[in-house]
Protein backbone atom coordinates (compact mmCIF):
# COMPACT_ATOMS: atom_id res chain seq x y z
CA MET A 1 0.00 0.00 0.00
CA THR A 2 1.37 3.40 -0.91
CA ASN A 3 1.08 6.52 1.18
CA ILE A 4 -2.07 8.42 0.29
CA ILE A 5 -1.29 11.49 2.37
CA SER A 6 2.05 13.29 2.61
CA LYS A 7 4.37 13.02 5.59
CA GLU A 8 3.70 16.68 6.39
CA ILE A 9 -0.08 16.20 6.48
CA PHE A 10 0.30 13.01 8.52
CA GLU A 11 2.46 14.74 11.12
CA LYS A 12 0.17 17.79 11.24
CA GLU A 13 -2.93 15.65 11.83
CA ILE A 14 -1.21 13.54 14.51
CA SER A 15 -0.04 16.68 16.30
CA MET A 16 -3.58 18.08 16.20
CA CYS A 17 -4.84 14.90 17.89
CA GLN A 18 -2.16 15.20 20.55
CA GLU A 19 -2.87 18.88 21.16
CA LEU A 20 -6.65 18.48 21.33
CA THR A 21 -6.37 15.50 23.66
CA LYS A 22 -4.27 17.50 26.11
CA LYS A 23 -6.32 20.67 25.76
CA ASN A 24 -9.75 19.03 26.08
CA ASN A 25 -9.01 16.21 28.54
CA GLY A 26 -9.34 13.37 26.05
CA LYS A 27 -12.07 14.83 23.88
CA CYS A 28 -11.99 16.73 20.63
CA ASN A 29 -14.69 17.81 18.20
CA TRP A 30 -15.07 14.23 16.97
CA GLY A 31 -15.72 12.63 20.34
CA GLU A 32 -13.73 10.72 22.93
CA CYS A 33 -10.12 9.93 22.07
CA GLU A 34 -10.25 6.46 23.66
CA LYS A 35 -12.89 5.41 21.09
CA CYS A 36 -11.54 7.34 18.13
CA GLY A 37 -10.41 5.73 14.89
CA VAL A 38 -8.56 8.75 13.49
CA ILE A 39 -5.06 7.68 14.55
CA PRO A 40 -5.29 4.18 12.99
CA LEU A 41 -6.78 5.75 9.87
CA LEU A 42 -3.94 8.26 9.66
CA TYR A 43 -1.40 5.45 9.98
CA LYS A 44 -3.14 3.56 7.19
CA LEU A 45 -3.21 6.58 4.87
CA GLY A 46 0.14 8.09 5.83
CA LYS A 47 2.37 5.10 6.45
CA GLY A 48 0.52 2.17 4.93
CA GLU A 49 0.36 0.46 8.32
CA ILE A 50 -2.89 -1.27 9.21
CA TYR A 51 -4.01 -1.66 12.81
CA GLU A 52 -7.21 -3.69 13.16
CA LYS A 53 -6.97 -5.67 16.39
CA VAL A 54 -8.43 -3.87 19.39
CA ASP A 55 -5.29 -4.26 21.50
CA GLU A 56 -3.05 -2.98 18.67
CA VAL A 57 -5.28 0.07 18.14
CA GLU A 58 -5.36 0.84 21.87
CA LYS A 59 -1.58 0.52 22.16
CA LEU A 60 -1.02 2.78 19.14
CA ARG A 61 -3.52 5.36 20.38
CA LEU A 62 -1.96 5.47 23.85
CA GLU A 63 1.54 5.68 22.43
CA ILE A 64 0.64 8.63 20.21
CA LEU A 65 -1.56 10.55 22.62
CA ARG A 66 0.89 10.35 25.53
CA LYS A 67 3.59 12.21 23.59
C-alpha cells in the first residue's frame, strides 16, 4: 500500500490529535479519544500500516496521545 497522504499532512494531523487531547481532557470535536479511529486511519493513509486488532489500536492510540 502506498502513502495516500504526505508526511507533512500526517504529522500535522497527529499533532492536532495530541494537542486536542491534552487541551480538552481526552475529547476533541469528533468525540472521545479512547474510542476514536482517526489515529489508525492516519497510519493507514500516511504510512501504509494497518491496525485492526483492538489491542493494537489501543496501544497505538496510547503511544501517540501520551507524547
